[in-house]
PDB file of N, CA and C in Angstrom:
ATOM      1  N   MET A   1      88.410 113.402 118.662  1.00  0.00           N
ATOM      2  CA  MET A   1      87.542 113.061 117.553  1.00  0.00           C
ATOM      3  C   MET A   1      86.081 113.187 117.959  1.00  0.00           C
ATOM      4  N   PHE A   2      85.737 112.826 119.174  1.00  0.00           N
ATOM      5  CA  PHE A   2      84.351 112.862 119.618  1.00  0.00           C
ATOM      6  C   PHE A   2      84.055 114.117 120.437  1.00  0.00           C
ATOM      7  N   LYS A   3      84.985 115.045 120.471  1.00  0.00           N
ATOM      8  CA  LYS A   3      84.796 116.243 121.269  1.00  0.00           C
ATOM      9  C   LYS A   3      83.978 117.259 120.500  1.00  0.00           C
ATOM     10  N   LYS A   4      83.175 118.027 121.216  1.00  0.00           N
ATOM     11  CA  LYS A   4      82.300 119.010 120.585  1.00  0.00           C
ATOM     12  C   LYS A   4      82.964 120.370 120.631  1.00  0.00           C
ATOM     13  N   PRO A   5      82.725 121.278 119.723  1.00  0.00           N
ATOM     14  CA  PRO A   5      81.862 121.110 118.563  1.00  0.00           C
ATOM     15  C   PRO A   5      82.558 120.252 117.508  1.00  0.00           C
ATOM     16  N   LEU A   6      81.781 119.465 116.817  1.00  0.00           N
ATOM     17  CA  LEU A   6      82.306 118.566 115.795  1.00  0.00           C
ATOM     18  C   LEU A   6      82.401 119.315 114.470  1.00  0.00           C
ATOM     19  N   ILE A   7      83.621 119.552 114.021  1.00  0.00           N
ATOM     20  CA  ILE A   7      83.870 120.223 112.745  1.00  0.00           C
ATOM     21  C   ILE A   7      84.641 119.241 111.869  1.00  0.00           C
ATOM     22  N   VAL A   8      84.074 118.898 110.732  1.00  0.00           N
ATOM     23  CA  VAL A   8      84.687 117.907 109.856  1.00  0.00           C
ATOM     24  C   VAL A   8      85.514 118.612 108.779  1.00  0.00           C
ATOM     25  N   THR A   9      86.791 118.256 108.708  1.00  0.00           N
ATOM     26  CA  THR A   9      87.689 118.780 107.679  1.00  0.00           C
ATOM     27  C   THR A   9      88.392 117.589 107.027  1.00  0.00           C
ATOM     28  N   GLN A  10      89.299 117.879 106.117  1.00  0.00           N
ATOM     29  CA  GLN A  10      90.063 116.808 105.474  1.00  0.00           C
ATOM     30  C   GLN A  10      90.938 116.063 106.479  1.00  0.00           C
ATOM     31  N   LYS A  11      91.198 116.679 107.619  1.00  0.00           N
ATOM     32  CA  LYS A  11      92.038 116.024 108.623  1.00  0.00           C
ATOM     33  C   LYS A  11      91.372 114.793 109.213  1.00  0.00           C
ATOM     34  N   VAL A  12      90.053 114.687 109.100  1.00  0.00           N
ATOM     35  CA  VAL A  12      89.382 113.470 109.555  1.00  0.00           C
ATOM     36  C   VAL A  12      89.791 112.300 108.660  1.00  0.00           C
ATOM     37  N   ASP A  13      90.064 112.573 107.389  1.00  0.00           N
ATOM     38  CA  ASP A  13      90.531 111.528 106.475  1.00  0.00           C
ATOM     39  C   ASP A  13      91.925 111.037 106.872  1.00  0.00           C
ATOM     40  N   ILE A  14      92.770 111.949 107.334  1.00  0.00           N
ATOM     41  CA  ILE A  14      94.111 111.574 107.795  1.00  0.00           C
ATOM     42  C   ILE A  14      93.987 110.663 109.014  1.00  0.00           C
ATOM     43  N   TYR A  15      93.086 111.026 109.933  1.00  0.00           N
ATOM     44  CA  TYR A  15      92.862 110.194 111.123  1.00  0.00           C
ATOM     45  C   TYR A  15      92.361 108.810 110.704  1.00  0.00           C
ATOM     46  N   ALA A  16      91.405 108.770 109.788  1.00  0.00           N
ATOM     47  CA  ALA A  16      90.845 107.494 109.324  1.00  0.00           C
ATOM     48  C   ALA A  16      91.923 106.643 108.651  1.00  0.00           C
ATOM     49  N   LEU A  17      92.788 107.268 107.878  1.00  0.00           N
ATOM     50  CA  LEU A  17      93.883 106.541 107.245  1.00  0.00           C
ATOM     51  C   LEU A  17      94.854 106.008 108.299  1.00  0.00           C
ATOM     52  N   GLY A  18      95.097 106.805 109.331  1.00  0.00           N
ATOM     53  CA  GLY A  18      95.948 106.353 110.435  1.00  0.00           C
ATOM     54  C   GLY A  18      95.363 105.127 111.120  1.00  0.00           C
ATOM     55  N   ILE A  19      94.050 105.136 111.337  1.00  0.00           N
ATOM     56  CA  ILE A  19      93.372 103.978 111.936  1.00  0.00           C
ATOM     57  C   ILE A  19      93.506 102.766 111.014  1.00  0.00           C
ATOM     58  N   THR A  20      93.342 102.989 109.719  1.00  0.00           N
ATOM     59  CA  THR A  20      93.457 101.899 108.745  1.00  0.00           C
ATOM     60  C   THR A  20      94.863 101.305 108.757  1.00  0.00           C
ATOM     61  N   PHE A  21      95.889 102.156 108.730  1.00  0.00           N
ATOM     62  CA  PHE A  21      97.271 101.669 108.793  1.00  0.00           C
ATOM     63  C   PHE A  21      97.506 100.890 110.087  1.00  0.00           C
ATOM     64  N   TYR A  22      97.043 101.453 111.202  1.00  0.00           N
ATOM     65  CA  TYR A  22      97.203 100.816 112.511  1.00  0.00           C
ATOM     66  C   TYR A  22      96.601  99.413 112.486  1.00  0.00           C
ATOM     67  N   LYS A  23      95.395  99.299 111.959  1.00  0.00           N
ATOM     68  CA  LYS A  23      94.693  98.010 111.890  1.00  0.00           C
ATOM     69  C   LYS A  23      95.438  97.029 110.981  1.00  0.00           C
ATOM     70  N   LEU A  24      95.912  97.497 109.830  1.00  0.00           N
ATOM     71  CA  LEU A  24      96.649  96.625 108.910  1.00  0.00           C
ATOM     72  C   LEU A  24      97.936  96.091 109.540  1.00  0.00           C
ATOM     73  N   ILE A  25      98.594  96.927 110.313  1.00  0.00           N
ATOM     74  CA  ILE A  25      99.879  96.552 110.901  1.00  0.00           C
ATOM     75  C   ILE A  25      99.705  95.670 112.139  1.00  0.00           C
ATOM     76  N   THR A  26      98.755  96.025 113.006  1.00  0.00           N
ATOM     77  CA  THR A  26      98.624  95.330 114.296  1.00  0.00           C
ATOM     78  C   THR A  26      97.510  94.284 114.322  1.00  0.00           C
ATOM     79  N   HIS A  27      96.624  94.321 113.341  1.00  0.00           N
ATOM     80  CA  HIS A  27      95.452  93.430 113.275  1.00  0.00           C
ATOM     81  C   HIS A  27      94.452  93.705 114.399  1.00  0.00           C
ATOM     82  N   LYS A  28      94.487  94.923 114.921  1.00  0.00           N
ATOM     83  CA  LYS A  28      93.523  95.337 115.942  1.00  0.00           C
ATOM     84  C   LYS A  28      93.349  96.852 115.848  1.00  0.00           C
ATOM     85  N   TYR A  29      92.296  97.354 116.472  1.00  0.00           N
ATOM     86  CA  TYR A  29      92.059  98.790 116.511  1.00  0.00           C
ATOM     87  C   TYR A  29      92.707  99.374 117.759  1.00  0.00           C
ATOM     88  N   PRO A  30      93.127 100.633 117.713  1.00  0.00           N
ATOM     89  CA  PRO A  30      93.746 101.237 118.897  1.00  0.00           C
ATOM     90  C   PRO A  30      92.766 101.383 120.060  1.00  0.00           C
ATOM     91  N   VAL A  31      91.503 101.583 119.747  1.00  0.00           N
ATOM     92  CA  VAL A  31      90.436 101.630 120.751  1.00  0.00           C
ATOM     93  C   VAL A  31      89.313 100.782 120.188  1.00  0.00           C
ATOM     94  N   ASN A  32      88.853  99.807 120.968  1.00  0.00           N
ATOM     95  CA  ASN A  32      87.859  98.878 120.438  1.00  0.00           C
ATOM     96  C   ASN A  32      86.799  98.580 121.496  1.00  0.00           C
ATOM     97  N   GLU A  33      85.969  99.551 121.768  1.00  0.00           N
ATOM     98  CA  GLU A  33      84.899  99.389 122.756  1.00  0.00           C
ATOM     99  C   GLU A  33      83.667  98.781 122.095  1.00  0.00           C
ATOM    100  N   GLN A  34      82.723  98.330 122.916  1.00  0.00           N
ATOM    101  CA  GLN A  34      81.545  97.616 122.429  1.00  0.00           C
ATOM    102  C   GLN A  34      80.546  98.493 121.674  1.00  0.00           C
ATOM    103  N   SER A  35      80.450  99.765 122.042  1.00  0.00           N
ATOM    104  CA  SER A  35      79.470 100.637 121.391  1.00  0.00           C
ATOM    105  C   SER A  35      80.129 101.951 120.986  1.00  0.00           C
ATOM    106  N   PHE A  36      79.447 102.678 120.118  1.00  0.00           N
ATOM    107  CA  PHE A  36      79.942 103.982 119.673  1.00  0.00           C
ATOM    108  C   PHE A  36      80.079 104.929 120.863  1.00  0.00           C
ATOM    109  N   GLU A  37      79.102 104.889 121.779  1.00  0.00           N
ATOM    110  CA  GLU A  37      79.147 105.755 122.967  1.00  0.00           C
ATOM    111  C   GLU A  37      80.344 105.422 123.843  1.00  0.00           C
ATOM    112  N   GLU A  38      80.578 104.126 124.079  1.00  0.00           N
ATOM    113  CA  GLU A  38      81.720 103.705 124.891  1.00  0.00           C
ATOM    114  C   GLU A  38      83.035 104.081 124.207  1.00  0.00           C
ATOM    115  N   GLN A  39      83.049 103.967 122.899  1.00  0.00           N
ATOM    116  CA  GLN A  39      84.235 104.337 122.117  1.00  0.00           C
ATOM    117  C   GLN A  39      84.539 105.822 122.326  1.00  0.00           C
ATOM    118  N   GLY A  40      83.513 106.651 122.229  1.00  0.00           N
ATOM    119  CA  GLY A  40      83.683 108.086 122.422  1.00  0.00           C
ATOM    120  C   GLY A  40      84.159 108.424 123.821  1.00  0.00           C
ATOM    121  N   LYS A  41      83.583 107.776 124.829  1.00  0.00           N
ATOM    122  CA  LYS A  41      83.990 108.016 126.219  1.00  0.00           C
ATOM    123  C   LYS A  41      85.455 107.651 126.425  1.00  0.00           C
ATOM    124  N   LYS A  42      85.834 106.510 125.901  1.00  0.00           N
ATOM    125  CA  LYS A  42      87.217 106.038 126.049  1.00  0.00           C
ATOM    126  C   LYS A  42      88.188 107.020 125.399  1.00  0.00           C
ATOM    127  N   ILE A  43      87.885 107.450 124.185  1.00  0.00           N
ATOM    128  CA  ILE A  43      88.763 108.382 123.474  1.00  0.00           C
ATOM    129  C   ILE A  43      88.843 109.716 124.206  1.00  0.00           C
ATOM    130  N   ASN A  44      87.725 110.178 124.756  1.00  0.00           N
ATOM    131  CA  ASN A  44      87.728 111.440 125.502  1.00  0.00           C
ATOM    132  C   ASN A  44      88.585 111.361 126.758  1.00  0.00           C
ATOM    133  N   GLN A  45      88.761 110.162 127.302  1.00  0.00           N
ATOM    134  CA  GLN A  45      89.584 109.977 128.500  1.00  0.00           C
ATOM    135  C   GLN A  45      91.071 109.870 128.164  1.00  0.00           C
ATOM    136  N   MET A  46      91.362 109.572 126.919  1.00  0.00           N
ATOM    137  CA  MET A  46      92.754 109.364 126.501  1.00  0.00           C
ATOM    138  C   MET A  46      93.396 110.677 126.072  1.00  0.00           C
ATOM    139  N   LYS A  47      94.713 110.783 126.295  1.00  0.00           N
ATOM    140  CA  LYS A  47      95.453 111.938 125.794  1.00  0.00           C
ATOM    141  C   LYS A  47      96.030 111.640 124.418  1.00  0.00           C
ATOM    142  N   SER A  48      96.343 110.370 124.192  1.00  0.00           N
ATOM    143  CA  SER A  48      96.878 109.934 122.901  1.00  0.00           C
ATOM    144  C   SER A  48      96.755 108.417 122.821  1.00  0.00           C
ATOM    145  N   ILE A  49      97.045 107.895 121.654  1.00  0.00           N
ATOM    146  CA  ILE A  49      97.029 106.449 121.451  1.00  0.00           C
ATOM    147  C   ILE A  49      98.423 105.922 121.768  1.00  0.00           C
ATOM    148  N   ASP A  50      98.478 104.913 122.621  1.00  0.00           N
ATOM    149  CA  ASP A  50      99.760 104.334 123.012  1.00  0.00           C
ATOM    150  C   ASP A  50     100.362 103.515 121.874  1.00  0.00           C
ATOM    151  N   ARG A  51     101.667 103.523 121.833  1.00  0.00           N
ATOM    152  CA  ARG A  51     102.391 102.748 120.823  1.00  0.00           C
ATOM    153  C   ARG A  51     102.268 101.254 121.147  1.00  0.00           C
ATOM    154  N   PRO A  52     101.763 100.477 120.195  1.00  0.00           N
ATOM    155  CA  PRO A  52     101.654  99.033 120.435  1.00  0.00           C
ATOM    156  C   PRO A  52     103.004  98.342 120.220  1.00  0.00           C
ATOM    157  N   ALA A  53     103.171  97.201 120.857  1.00  0.00           N
ATOM    158  CA  ALA A  53     104.427  96.447 120.741  1.00  0.00           C
ATOM    159  C   ALA A  53     104.701  96.012 119.305  1.00  0.00           C
ATOM    160  N   GLU A  54     103.645  95.840 118.511  1.00  0.00           N
ATOM    161  CA  GLU A  54     103.813  95.384 117.121  1.00  0.00           C
ATOM    162  C   GLU A  54     104.512  96.414 116.238  1.00  0.00           C
ATOM    163  N   ILE A  55     104.474  97.666 116.629  1.00  0.00           N
ATOM    164  CA  ILE A  55     105.097  98.719 115.814  1.00  0.00           C
ATOM    165  C   ILE A  55     106.463  99.041 116.407  1.00  0.00           C
ATOM    166  N   THR A  56     107.496  98.490 115.778  1.00  0.00           N
ATOM    167  CA  THR A  56     108.858  98.661 116.280  1.00  0.00           C
ATOM    168  C   THR A  56     109.643  99.720 115.508  1.00  0.00           C
ATOM    169  N   ASP A  57     109.179 100.072 114.324  1.00  0.00           N
ATOM    170  CA  ASP A  57     109.853 101.067 113.487  1.00  0.00           C
ATOM    171  C   ASP A  57     109.537 102.467 114.015  1.00  0.00           C
ATOM    172  N   ASN A  58     110.580 103.190 114.436  1.00  0.00           N
ATOM    173  CA  ASN A  58     110.380 104.520 115.016  1.00  0.00           C
ATOM    174  C   ASN A  58     109.806 105.519 114.015  1.00  0.00           C
ATOM    175  N   LEU A  59     110.253 105.449 112.760  1.00  0.00           N
ATOM    176  CA  LEU A  59     109.725 106.366 111.748  1.00  0.00           C
ATOM    177  C   LEU A  59     108.244 106.103 111.494  1.00  0.00           C
ATOM    178  N   LEU A  60     107.884 104.830 111.428  1.00  0.00           N
ATOM    179  CA  LEU A  60     106.477 104.479 111.232  1.00  0.00           C
ATOM    180  C   LEU A  60     105.635 104.989 112.391  1.00  0.00           C
ATOM    181  N   TRP A  61     106.090 104.782 113.619  1.00  0.00           N
ATOM    182  CA  TRP A  61     105.308 105.237 114.764  1.00  0.00           C
ATOM    183  C   TRP A  61     105.222 106.762 114.792  1.00  0.00           C
ATOM    184  N   ASN A  62     106.308 107.434 114.412  1.00  0.00           N
ATOM    185  CA  ASN A  62     106.278 108.891 114.372  1.00  0.00           C
ATOM    186  C   ASN A  62     105.191 109.374 113.424  1.00  0.00           C
ATOM    187  N   LEU A  63     105.127 108.777 112.238  1.00  0.00           N
ATOM    188  CA  LEU A  63     104.101 109.152 111.262  1.00  0.00           C
ATOM    189  C   LEU A  63     102.706 108.800 111.773  1.00  0.00           C
ATOM    190  N   LEU A  64     102.530 107.566 112.232  1.00  0.00           N
ATOM    191  CA  LEU A  64     101.206 107.134 112.701  1.00  0.00           C
ATOM    192  C   LEU A  64     100.713 107.970 113.871  1.00  0.00           C
ATOM    193  N   SER A  65     101.585 108.268 114.812  1.00  0.00           N
ATOM    194  CA  SER A  65     101.151 109.052 115.971  1.00  0.00           C
ATOM    195  C   SER A  65     100.713 110.456 115.557  1.00  0.00           C
ATOM    196  N   GLN A  66     101.333 110.998 114.503  1.00  0.00           N
ATOM    197  CA  GLN A  66     100.900 112.304 113.996  1.00  0.00           C
ATOM    198  C   GLN A  66      99.567 112.200 113.257  1.00  0.00           C
ATOM    199  N   MET A  67      99.339 111.073 112.591  1.00  0.00           N
ATOM    200  CA  MET A  67      98.064 110.856 111.896  1.00  0.00           C
ATOM    201  C   MET A  67      96.935 110.602 112.894  1.00  0.00           C
ATOM    202  N   LEU A  68      97.271 110.000 114.029  1.00  0.00           N
ATOM    203  CA  LEU A  68      96.278 109.640 115.038  1.00  0.00           C
ATOM    204  C   LEU A  68      96.147 110.687 116.138  1.00  0.00           C
ATOM    205  N   GLU A  69      96.745 111.844 115.926  1.00  0.00           N
ATOM    206  CA  GLU A  69      96.622 112.950 116.881  1.00  0.00           C
ATOM    207  C   GLU A  69      95.151 113.313 117.035  1.00  0.00           C
ATOM    208  N   PHE A  70      94.668 113.357 118.278  1.00  0.00           N
ATOM    209  CA  PHE A  70      93.255 113.652 118.522  1.00  0.00           C
ATOM    210  C   PHE A  70      92.884 115.091 118.151  1.00  0.00           C
ATOM    211  N   ASP A  71      93.793 116.020 118.355  1.00  0.00           N
ATOM    212  CA  ASP A  71      93.517 117.426 118.051  1.00  0.00           C
ATOM    213  C   ASP A  71      93.758 117.668 116.559  1.00  0.00           C
ATOM    214  N   PRO A  72      92.692 117.917 115.784  1.00  0.00           N
ATOM    215  CA  PRO A  72      92.866 118.115 114.335  1.00  0.00           C
ATOM    216  C   PRO A  72      93.810 119.261 113.990  1.00  0.00           C
ATOM    217  N   ASN A  73      93.900 120.268 114.867  1.00  0.00           N
ATOM    218  CA  ASN A  73      94.797 121.393 114.599  1.00  0.00           C
ATOM    219  C   ASN A  73      96.266 120.993 114.698  1.00  0.00           C
ATOM    220  N   LYS A  74      96.552 119.928 115.433  1.00  0.00           N
ATOM    221  CA  LYS A  74      97.921 119.440 115.588  1.00  0.00           C
ATOM    222  C   LYS A  74      98.216 118.255 114.664  1.00  0.00           C
ATOM    223  N   ARG A  75      97.179 117.692 114.057  1.00  0.00           N
ATOM    224  CA  ARG A  75      97.329 116.503 113.209  1.00  0.00           C
ATOM    225  C   ARG A  75      98.086 116.852 111.925  1.00  0.00           C
ATOM    226  N   ILE A  76      98.899 115.924 111.475  1.00  0.00           N
ATOM    227  CA  ILE A  76      99.681 116.111 110.251  1.00  0.00           C
ATOM    228  C   ILE A  76      98.741 116.297 109.051  1.00  0.00           C
ATOM    229  N   ILE A  77      99.152 117.125 108.102  1.00  0.00           N
ATOM    230  CA  ILE A  77      98.364 117.308 106.882  1.00  0.00           C
ATOM    231  C   ILE A  77      98.874 116.336 105.820  1.00  0.00           C
ATOM    232  N   ALA A  78      98.083 116.108 104.789  1.00  0.00           N
ATOM    233  CA  ALA A  78      98.406 115.112 103.764  1.00  0.00           C
ATOM    234  C   ALA A  78      99.766 115.379 103.117  1.00  0.00           C
ATOM    235  N   PHE A  79     100.036 116.619 102.748  1.00  0.00           N
ATOM    236  CA  PHE A  79     101.310 116.941 102.092  1.00  0.00           C
ATOM    237  C   PHE A  79     102.484 116.545 102.973  1.00  0.00           C
ATOM    238  N   ASP A  80     102.422 116.927 104.248  1.00  0.00           N
ATOM    239  CA  ASP A  80     103.516 116.610 105.164  1.00  0.00           C
ATOM    240  C   ASP A  80     103.635 115.108 105.408  1.00  0.00           C
ATOM    241  N   ALA A  81     102.505 114.409 105.417  1.00  0.00           N
ATOM    242  CA  ALA A  81     102.548 112.953 105.585  1.00  0.00           C
ATOM    243  C   ALA A  81     103.264 112.305 104.400  1.00  0.00           C
ATOM    244  N   LEU A  82     102.985 112.789 103.205  1.00  0.00           N
ATOM    245  CA  LEU A  82     103.587 112.199 102.003  1.00  0.00           C
ATOM    246  C   LEU A  82     105.088 112.450 101.890  1.00  0.00           C
ATOM    247  N   ILE A  83     105.567 113.539 102.504  1.00  0.00           N
ATOM    248  CA  ILE A  83     107.007 113.807 102.467  1.00  0.00           C
ATOM    249  C   ILE A  83     107.685 113.413 103.782  1.00  0.00           C
ATOM    250  N   HIS A  84     106.945 112.737 104.652  1.00  0.00           N
ATOM    251  CA  HIS A  84     107.501 112.267 105.926  1.00  0.00           C
ATOM    252  C   HIS A  84     108.681 111.331 105.646  1.00  0.00           C
ATOM    253  N   SER A  85     109.653 111.335 106.524  1.00  0.00           N
ATOM    254  CA  SER A  85     110.853 110.525 106.312  1.00  0.00           C
ATOM    255  C   SER A  85     110.566 109.027 106.251  1.00  0.00           C
ATOM    256  N   TYR A  86     109.427 108.571 106.761  1.00  0.00           N
ATOM    257  CA  TYR A  86     109.079 107.158 106.616  1.00  0.00           C
ATOM    258  C   TYR A  86     108.976 106.776 105.135  1.00  0.00           C
ATOM    259  N   PHE A  87     108.482 107.717 104.323  1.00  0.00           N
ATOM    260  CA  PHE A  87     108.331 107.468 102.888  1.00  0.00           C
ATOM    261  C   PHE A  87     109.528 107.932 102.061  1.00  0.00           C
ATOM    262  N   THR A  88     110.354 108.809 102.613  1.00  0.00           N
ATOM    263  CA  THR A  88     111.395 109.447 101.803  1.00  0.00           C
ATOM    264  C   THR A  88     112.818 109.090 102.211  1.00  0.00           C
ATOM    265  N   ASN A  89     113.001 108.260 103.209  1.00  0.00           N
ATOM    266  CA  ASN A  89     114.368 107.910 103.617  1.00  0.00           C
ATOM    267  C   ASN A  89     114.972 106.919 102.620  1.00  0.00           C
ATOM    268  N   PRO A  90     116.288 106.768 102.620  1.00  0.00           N
ATOM    269  CA  PRO A  90     116.939 105.870 101.649  1.00  0.00           C
ATOM    270  C   PRO A  90     116.402 104.434 101.684  1.00  0.00           C
ATOM    271  N   GLU A  91     116.061 103.942 102.858  1.00  0.00           N
ATOM    272  CA  GLU A  91     115.521 102.583 102.961  1.00  0.00           C
ATOM    273  C   GLU A  91     114.186 102.464 102.226  1.00  0.00           C
ATOM    274  N   ALA A  92     113.363 103.510 102.318  1.00  0.00           N
ATOM    275  CA  ALA A  92     112.077 103.498 101.612  1.00  0.00           C
ATOM    276  C   ALA A  92     112.301 103.475 100.102  1.00  0.00           C
ATOM    277  N   TYR A  93     113.244 104.281  99.628  1.00  0.00           N
ATOM    278  CA  TYR A  93     113.538 104.299  98.192  1.00  0.00           C
ATOM    279  C   TYR A  93     114.103 102.960  97.726  1.00  0.00           C
ATOM    280  N   ALA A  94     114.869 102.298  98.583  1.00  0.00           N
ATOM    281  CA  ALA A  94     115.454 101.001  98.223  1.00  0.00           C
ATOM    282  C   ALA A  94     114.376  99.936  98.036  1.00  0.00           C
ATOM    283  N   ASP A  95     113.214 100.141  98.649  1.00  0.00           N
ATOM    284  CA  ASP A  95     112.111  99.183  98.524  1.00  0.00           C
ATOM    285  C   ASP A  95     111.346  99.319  97.206  1.00  0.00           C
ATOM    286  N   ILE A  96     111.637 100.364  96.434  1.00  0.00           N
ATOM    287  CA  ILE A  96     110.940 100.583  95.163  1.00  0.00           C
ATOM    288  C   ILE A  96     111.658  99.785  94.076  1.00  0.00           C
ATOM    289  N   SER A  97     110.938  98.885  93.443  1.00  0.00           N
ATOM    290  CA  SER A  97     111.547  98.069  92.385  1.00  0.00           C
ATOM    291  C   SER A  97     111.785  98.927  91.141  1.00  0.00           C
ATOM    292  N   GLU A  98     112.629  98.439  90.265  1.00  0.00           N
ATOM    293  CA  GLU A  98     112.907  99.152  89.016  1.00  0.00           C
ATOM    294  C   GLU A  98     111.628  99.297  88.191  1.00  0.00           C
ATOM    295  N   GLU A  99     110.816  98.255  88.170  1.00  0.00           N
ATOM    296  CA  GLU A  99     109.554  98.294  87.425  1.00  0.00           C
ATOM    297  C   GLU A  99     108.610  99.357  87.998  1.00  0.00           C
ATOM    298  N   GLN A 100     108.521  99.434  89.326  1.00  0.00           N
ATOM    299  CA  GLN A 100     107.666 100.445  89.955  1.00  0.00           C
ATOM    300  C   GLN A 100     108.174 101.849  89.641  1.00  0.00           C
ATOM    301  N   PHE A 101     109.490 102.030  89.684  1.00  0.00           N
ATOM    302  CA  PHE A 101     110.073 103.329  89.391  1.00  0.00           C
ATOM    303  C   PHE A 101     109.784 103.747  87.954  1.00  0.00           C
ATOM    304  N   LYS A 102     109.938 102.819  87.023  1.00  0.00           N
ATOM    305  CA  LYS A 102     109.666 103.117  85.611  1.00  0.00           C
ATOM    306  C   LYS A 102     108.196 103.467  85.400  1.00  0.00           C
ATOM    307  N   LEU A 103     107.318 102.728  86.046  1.00  0.00           N
ATOM    308  CA  LEU A 103     105.882 102.987  85.921  1.00  0.00           C
ATOM    309  C   LEU A 103     105.527 104.371  86.464  1.00  0.00           C
ATOM    310  N   ALA A 104     106.087 104.716  87.614  1.00  0.00           N
ATOM    311  CA  ALA A 104     105.825 106.034  88.199  1.00  0.00           C
ATOM    312  C   ALA A 104     106.371 107.139  87.305  1.00  0.00           C
ATOM    313  N   SER A 105     107.563 106.944  86.760  1.00  0.00           N
ATOM    314  CA  SER A 105     108.158 107.942  85.857  1.00  0.00           C
ATOM    315  C   SER A 105     107.305 108.124  84.608  1.00  0.00           C
ATOM    316  N   LYS A 106     106.827 107.022  84.070  1.00  0.00           N
ATOM    317  CA  LYS A 106     105.966 107.066  82.887  1.00  0.00           C
ATOM    318  C   LYS A 106     104.669 107.829  83.189  1.00  0.00           C
ATOM    319  N   ALA A 107     104.109 107.614  84.364  1.00  0.00           N
ATOM    320  CA  ALA A 107     102.876 108.301  84.757  1.00  0.00           C
ATOM    321  C   ALA A 107     103.109 109.801  84.891  1.00  0.00           C
ATOM    322  N   VAL A 108     104.243 110.185  85.472  1.00  0.00           N
ATOM    323  CA  VAL A 108     104.570 111.610  85.615  1.00  0.00           C
ATOM    324  C   VAL A 108     104.732 112.248  84.246  1.00  0.00           C
ATOM    325  N   GLN A 109     105.433 111.584  83.344  1.00  0.00           N
ATOM    326  CA  GLN A 109     105.635 112.117  81.996  1.00  0.00           C
ATOM    327  C   GLN A 109     104.305 112.270  81.261  1.00  0.00           C
ATOM    328  N   ALA A 110     103.434 111.283  81.394  1.00  0.00           N
ATOM    329  CA  ALA A 110     102.124 111.346  80.737  1.00  0.00           C
ATOM    330  C   ALA A 110     101.298 112.497  81.301  1.00  0.00           C
ATOM    331  N   GLU A 111     101.349 112.671  82.610  1.00  0.00           N
ATOM    332  CA  GLU A 111     100.579 113.760  83.223  1.00  0.00           C
ATOM    333  C   GLU A 111     101.112 115.117  82.779  1.00  0.00           C
ATOM    334  N   LEU A 112     102.428 115.251  82.725  1.00  0.00           N
ATOM    335  CA  LEU A 112     103.025 116.507  82.266  1.00  0.00           C
ATOM    336  C   LEU A 112     102.671 116.801  80.811  1.00  0.00           C
ATOM    337  N   ALA A 113     102.434 115.749  80.041  1.00  0.00           N
ATOM    338  CA  ALA A 113     102.049 115.900  78.634  1.00  0.00           C
ATOM    339  C   ALA A 113     100.550 116.155  78.482  1.00  0.00           C
ATOM    340  N   GLY A 114      99.834 116.215  79.601  1.00  0.00           N
ATOM    341  CA  GLY A 114      98.408 116.525  79.541  1.00  0.00           C
ATOM    342  C   GLY A 114      97.480 115.340  79.682  1.00  0.00           C
ATOM    343  N   ASN A 115      98.007 114.147  79.831  1.00  0.00           N
ATOM    344  CA  ASN A 115      97.170 112.958  79.995  1.00  0.00           C
ATOM    345  C   ASN A 115      96.798 112.807  81.471  1.00  0.00           C
ATOM    346  N   HIS A 116      95.557 113.093  81.781  1.00  0.00           N
ATOM    347  CA  HIS A 116      95.094 112.985  83.166  1.00  0.00           C
ATOM    348  C   HIS A 116      94.333 111.685  83.395  1.00  0.00           C
ATOM    349  N   PHE A 117      94.396 110.778  82.446  1.00  0.00           N
ATOM    350  CA  PHE A 117      93.725 109.476  82.547  1.00  0.00           C
ATOM    351  C   PHE A 117      94.776 108.370  82.575  1.00  0.00           C
ATOM    352  N   ILE A 118      95.707 108.517  83.465  1.00  0.00           N
ATOM    353  CA  ILE A 118      96.826 107.585  83.559  1.00  0.00           C
ATOM    354  C   ILE A 118      96.341 106.281  84.173  1.00  0.00           C
ATOM    355  N   GLN A 119      96.729 105.187  83.522  1.00  0.00           N
ATOM    356  CA  GLN A 119      96.323 103.865  84.015  1.00  0.00           C
ATOM    357  C   GLN A 119      97.505 103.100  84.514  1.00  0.00           C
TER     358      GLN A 119
END
């Protein structure tokens, strides 16, 4: 992330989302140095972010580690993240309530009918 030349693409958003998920799950940052410079030095010394003990779900860690990949060329893209098995396995579908499913179906139908202002 701090390696030069710095080229910003949409993959930086995937990395930022990975950091956000990591923080929400573990209540800490994967790298938390005192200054921006120290943060950059630490990341440059690392090959990858280690799996924390708080993340026990293998599918979740697989997705997060791909989102937190330091090399943007190897980092997962948004489309692939959304179809990752963490979101698409039977257990994930079982977590969707009937009300949520109906709401999502209604939104898809409205969008197909031309309504792009779905609430």
